[in-house]
C-alpha cells in the first residue's frame, strides 16, 4: 500500500486563512500564500498596521504595485532609461 501526501486545496486570493502566532511571536505563512505574495527567496516583507490589521507586502508585490500605478504616466515608445542617460551625458559633456 502506497501512501501519498494530499495537496492542500487551492485558495482564492481573497479567502481568509487562519494562522497561529507562536509564543515567540512568529507566524508561519504557507507556501501558496508566499508564492501569491511574490515573495523573494530572502523572505523579507514590509509590515504595517492599517486600521488594526497587520499588512505584509513583499518587495516583488510592492514593485508590481508601483509599476501599475506609474504605467499611465509613461508615454508609448518612451524610454526613461534612454532619457536619463542622455541627460547624464549632456551633464558630463559627452555625446
N, C-alpha and C. Protein backbone atom coordinates (compact mmCIF):
# COMPACT_ATOMS: atom_id res chain seq x y z
N UNK A 1 0.85 -1.17 0.00
CA UNK A 1 0.00 0.00 0.00
C UNK A 1 0.89 1.23 0.00
N UNK A 2 0.65 2.14 -0.92
CA UNK A 2 1.43 3.37 -1.02
C UNK A 2 0.59 4.54 -0.51
N UNK A 3 1.18 5.30 0.39
CA UNK A 3 0.51 6.49 0.89
C UNK A 3 1.09 7.70 0.20
N UNK A 4 0.24 8.60 -0.20
CA UNK A 4 0.74 9.82 -0.81
C UNK A 4 0.16 11.01 -0.08
N UNK A 5 0.97 12.05 -0.01
CA UNK A 5 0.50 13.27 0.65
C UNK A 5 -0.52 13.94 -0.24
N UNK A 6 -1.59 14.36 0.35
CA UNK A 6 -2.64 15.02 -0.39
C UNK A 6 -2.32 16.51 -0.45
N UNK A 7 -2.31 17.08 -1.64
CA UNK A 7 -2.01 18.51 -1.79
C UNK A 7 -3.16 19.31 -1.20
N UNK A 8 -2.82 20.40 -0.50
CA UNK A 8 -3.89 21.23 0.05
C UNK A 8 -4.69 21.86 -1.07
N UNK A 9 -5.97 22.11 -0.82
CA UNK A 9 -6.78 22.71 -1.88
C UNK A 9 -6.28 24.11 -2.22
N UNK A 10 -6.42 24.50 -3.49
CA UNK A 10 -6.02 25.84 -3.91
C UNK A 10 -6.98 26.85 -3.29
N UNK A 11 -6.38 27.94 -2.81
CA UNK A 11 -7.19 29.00 -2.22
C UNK A 11 -7.33 30.14 -3.21
N UNK A 12 -8.43 30.83 -3.11
CA UNK A 12 -8.58 32.08 -3.86
C UNK A 12 -7.82 33.14 -3.10
N UNK A 13 -7.35 34.16 -3.80
CA UNK A 13 -6.52 35.18 -3.16
C UNK A 13 -7.24 35.90 -2.03
N UNK A 14 -8.55 35.96 -2.07
CA UNK A 14 -9.29 36.67 -1.02
C UNK A 14 -9.77 35.79 0.11
N UNK A 15 -9.55 34.48 0.02
CA UNK A 15 -10.02 33.58 1.08
C UNK A 15 -9.25 33.81 2.37
N UNK A 16 -9.96 33.96 3.49
CA UNK A 16 -9.24 34.11 4.76
C UNK A 16 -8.56 32.81 5.17
N UNK A 17 -7.42 32.94 5.82
CA UNK A 17 -6.66 31.78 6.29
C UNK A 17 -6.35 32.02 7.76
N UNK A 18 -6.60 31.03 8.58
CA UNK A 18 -6.29 31.15 10.00
C UNK A 18 -4.86 30.72 10.22
N UNK A 19 -4.05 31.60 10.79
CA UNK A 19 -2.66 31.31 11.11
C UNK A 19 -2.50 31.44 12.62
N UNK A 20 -1.49 30.79 13.14
CA UNK A 20 -1.24 30.82 14.58
C UNK A 20 0.04 31.59 14.87
N UNK A 21 -0.04 32.46 15.85
CA UNK A 21 1.15 33.18 16.30
C UNK A 21 1.73 32.40 17.46
N UNK A 22 2.98 31.96 17.29
CA UNK A 22 3.65 31.18 18.33
C UNK A 22 3.97 32.05 19.54
N UNK A 23 4.36 31.42 20.62
CA UNK A 23 4.68 32.15 21.85
C UNK A 23 5.87 33.09 21.65
N UNK A 24 6.70 32.81 20.64
CA UNK A 24 7.84 33.67 20.34
C UNK A 24 7.47 34.79 19.36
N UNK A 25 6.19 34.88 18.98
CA UNK A 25 5.72 35.93 18.08
C UNK A 25 5.85 35.60 16.61
N UNK A 26 6.23 34.39 16.27
CA UNK A 26 6.41 34.02 14.87
C UNK A 26 5.13 33.46 14.26
N UNK A 27 4.98 33.77 12.98
CA UNK A 27 3.85 33.27 12.20
C UNK A 27 4.42 32.55 10.99
N UNK A 28 3.93 31.37 10.71
CA UNK A 28 4.36 30.65 9.51
C UNK A 28 3.35 30.94 8.41
N UNK A 29 3.85 31.47 7.30
CA UNK A 29 2.99 31.77 6.16
C UNK A 29 3.09 30.59 5.19
N UNK A 30 1.97 29.93 4.89
CA UNK A 30 2.01 28.77 4.00
C UNK A 30 2.60 29.10 2.63
N UNK A 31 3.19 28.10 2.00
CA UNK A 31 3.90 28.28 0.73
C UNK A 31 3.03 28.92 -0.34
N UNK A 32 1.77 28.48 -0.47
CA UNK A 32 0.92 29.04 -1.53
C UNK A 32 0.66 30.53 -1.30
N UNK A 33 0.59 30.95 -0.05
CA UNK A 33 0.41 32.37 0.23
C UNK A 33 1.68 33.15 -0.06
N UNK A 34 2.84 32.58 0.29
CA UNK A 34 4.11 33.24 -0.02
C UNK A 34 4.28 33.41 -1.52
N UNK A 35 3.91 32.39 -2.28
CA UNK A 35 4.00 32.47 -3.74
C UNK A 35 3.06 33.54 -4.28
N UNK A 36 1.85 33.62 -3.75
CA UNK A 36 0.88 34.62 -4.19
C UNK A 36 1.35 36.03 -3.85
N UNK A 37 2.20 36.16 -2.83
CA UNK A 37 2.72 37.46 -2.42
C UNK A 37 3.92 37.88 -3.27
N UNK A 38 4.37 37.02 -4.18
CA UNK A 38 5.57 37.28 -4.98
C UNK A 38 6.75 37.53 -4.07
N UNK A 39 6.85 36.72 -3.03
CA UNK A 39 7.92 36.87 -2.05
C UNK A 39 9.22 36.32 -2.61
N UNK A 40 10.28 37.07 -2.45
CA UNK A 40 11.60 36.64 -2.91
C UNK A 40 12.17 35.56 -2.00
N UNK A 41 13.30 35.02 -2.41
CA UNK A 41 13.95 33.96 -1.65
C UNK A 41 14.44 34.43 -0.29
N UNK A 42 14.69 35.76 -0.16
CA UNK A 42 15.18 36.27 1.11
C UNK A 42 14.10 36.25 2.18
N UNK A 43 12.84 36.14 1.78
CA UNK A 43 11.74 36.04 2.73
C UNK A 43 11.40 37.34 3.44
N UNK A 44 11.93 38.45 2.95
CA UNK A 44 11.68 39.72 3.62
C UNK A 44 10.39 40.37 3.12
N UNK A 45 9.67 40.97 4.06
CA UNK A 45 8.45 41.71 3.75
C UNK A 45 8.48 43.01 4.54
N UNK A 46 7.65 43.95 4.10
CA UNK A 46 7.45 45.18 4.84
C UNK A 46 6.11 45.03 5.56
N UNK A 47 6.09 45.39 6.83
CA UNK A 47 4.88 45.25 7.63
C UNK A 47 4.40 46.61 8.07
N UNK A 48 3.08 46.75 8.13
CA UNK A 48 2.50 47.97 8.69
C UNK A 48 1.14 47.62 9.29
N UNK A 49 0.72 48.46 10.21
CA UNK A 49 -0.61 48.30 10.81
C UNK A 49 -1.51 49.34 10.16
N UNK A 50 -2.63 48.88 9.60
CA UNK A 50 -3.63 49.75 8.98
C UNK A 50 -4.98 49.38 9.58
N UNK A 51 -5.59 50.32 10.26
CA UNK A 51 -6.90 50.09 10.89
C UNK A 51 -6.90 48.82 11.74
N UNK A 52 -5.84 48.61 12.50
CA UNK A 52 -5.77 47.45 13.39
C UNK A 52 -5.41 46.14 12.72
N UNK A 53 -5.14 46.18 11.41
CA UNK A 53 -4.75 44.97 10.68
C UNK A 53 -3.26 44.99 10.40
N UNK A 54 -2.64 43.83 10.53
CA UNK A 54 -1.24 43.69 10.14
C UNK A 54 -1.22 43.39 8.65
N UNK A 55 -0.55 44.24 7.88
CA UNK A 55 -0.46 44.04 6.43
C UNK A 55 1.00 43.83 6.06
N UNK A 56 1.23 42.79 5.30
CA UNK A 56 2.57 42.44 4.84
C UNK A 56 2.62 42.58 3.32
N UNK A 57 3.71 43.13 2.81
CA UNK A 57 3.89 43.22 1.37
C UNK A 57 5.35 42.89 1.05
N UNK A 58 5.53 42.06 0.05
CA UNK A 58 6.88 41.70 -0.37
C UNK A 58 7.42 42.77 -1.30
N UNK A 59 8.72 42.79 -1.49
CA UNK A 59 9.33 43.73 -2.41
C UNK A 59 8.77 43.52 -3.82
N UNK A 60 8.62 42.26 -4.22
CA UNK A 60 8.08 41.96 -5.56
C UNK A 60 6.68 42.50 -5.74
N UNK A 61 5.82 42.33 -4.75
CA UNK A 61 4.45 42.84 -4.84
C UNK A 61 4.43 44.36 -4.82
N UNK A 62 5.28 44.97 -4.00
CA UNK A 62 5.35 46.44 -3.93
C UNK A 62 5.83 47.01 -5.27
N UNK A 63 6.79 46.34 -5.90
CA UNK A 63 7.29 46.77 -7.19
C UNK A 63 6.21 46.69 -8.25
N UNK A 64 5.48 45.58 -8.28
CA UNK A 64 4.39 45.43 -9.25
C UNK A 64 3.33 46.51 -9.03
N UNK A 65 3.01 46.81 -7.77
CA UNK A 65 2.02 47.83 -7.46
C UNK A 65 2.49 49.20 -7.95
N UNK A 66 3.76 49.54 -7.71
CA UNK A 66 4.31 50.82 -8.13
C UNK A 66 4.33 50.93 -9.65
N UNK A 67 4.73 49.85 -10.34
CA UNK A 67 4.75 49.86 -11.80
C UNK A 67 3.35 50.06 -12.37
N UNK A 68 2.36 49.42 -11.78
CA UNK A 68 0.98 49.56 -12.26
C UNK A 68 0.48 50.99 -12.02
N UNK A 69 0.85 51.58 -10.89
CA UNK A 69 0.40 52.93 -10.58
C UNK A 69 1.04 53.96 -11.51
N UNK A 70 2.29 53.72 -11.91
CA UNK A 70 3.01 54.67 -12.75
C UNK A 70 2.83 54.43 -14.25
N UNK A 71 2.33 53.28 -14.62
CA UNK A 71 2.18 52.92 -16.04
C UNK A 71 1.41 53.97 -16.84
N UNK A 72 0.32 54.55 -16.31
CA UNK A 72 -0.41 55.55 -17.10
C UNK A 72 0.41 56.81 -17.42
N UNK A 73 1.47 57.06 -16.67
CA UNK A 73 2.28 58.25 -16.88
C UNK A 73 3.32 58.07 -17.99
N UNK A 74 3.57 56.83 -18.37
CA UNK A 74 4.59 56.54 -19.39
C UNK A 74 3.98 56.68 -20.78
N UNK A 75 4.66 57.44 -21.61
CA UNK A 75 4.19 57.64 -22.98
C UNK A 75 4.62 56.45 -23.84
N UNK A 76 3.78 56.01 -24.79
CA UNK A 76 4.16 54.90 -25.67
C UNK A 76 5.46 55.21 -26.42
N UNK A 77 6.37 54.26 -26.45
CA UNK A 77 7.63 54.42 -27.15
C UNK A 77 8.69 55.19 -26.37
N UNK A 78 8.32 55.69 -25.21
CA UNK A 78 9.26 56.48 -24.40
C UNK A 78 10.14 55.54 -23.57
N UNK A 79 11.43 55.85 -23.53
CA UNK A 79 12.34 55.08 -22.69
C UNK A 79 12.93 56.01 -21.64
N UNK A 80 12.51 55.85 -20.40
CA UNK A 80 13.02 56.71 -19.34
C UNK A 80 14.50 56.46 -19.10
N UNK A 81 14.97 55.27 -19.39
CA UNK A 81 16.39 54.96 -19.24
C UNK A 81 17.20 55.75 -20.26
N UNK A 82 16.75 55.72 -21.53
CA UNK A 82 17.46 56.47 -22.57
C UNK A 82 17.45 57.97 -22.25
N UNK A 83 16.32 58.47 -21.78
CA UNK A 83 16.21 59.89 -21.43
C UNK A 83 17.18 60.23 -20.29
N UNK A 84 17.22 59.38 -19.28
CA UNK A 84 18.12 59.59 -18.15
C UNK A 84 19.58 59.61 -18.61
N UNK A 85 19.96 58.63 -19.44
CA UNK A 85 21.34 58.56 -19.92
C UNK A 85 21.70 59.77 -20.78
N UNK A 86 20.77 60.22 -21.60
CA UNK A 86 21.02 61.40 -22.44
C UNK A 86 21.26 62.63 -21.56
N UNK A 87 20.46 62.77 -20.49
CA UNK A 87 20.65 63.89 -19.56
C UNK A 87 22.02 63.82 -18.89
N UNK A 88 22.43 62.63 -18.48
CA UNK A 88 23.72 62.47 -17.81
C UNK A 88 24.88 62.75 -18.77
N UNK A 89 24.76 62.26 -20.00
CA UNK A 89 25.80 62.53 -20.99
C UNK A 89 25.95 64.03 -21.25
N UNK A 90 24.81 64.72 -21.34
CA UNK A 90 24.83 66.17 -21.54
C UNK A 90 25.46 66.86 -20.34
N UNK A 91 25.14 66.39 -19.14
CA UNK A 91 25.70 66.98 -17.91
C UNK A 91 27.21 66.79 -17.86
N UNK A 92 27.68 65.65 -18.33
CA UNK A 92 29.12 65.34 -18.27
C UNK A 92 29.86 65.82 -19.52
N UNK A 93 29.16 66.44 -20.44
CA UNK A 93 29.79 66.94 -21.66
C UNK A 93 30.15 65.85 -22.63
N UNK A 94 29.46 64.73 -22.59
CA UNK A 94 29.72 63.62 -23.52
C UNK A 94 28.66 63.61 -24.61
N UNK A 95 28.99 62.98 -25.70
CA UNK A 95 27.99 62.83 -26.76
C UNK A 95 27.58 61.41 -26.91
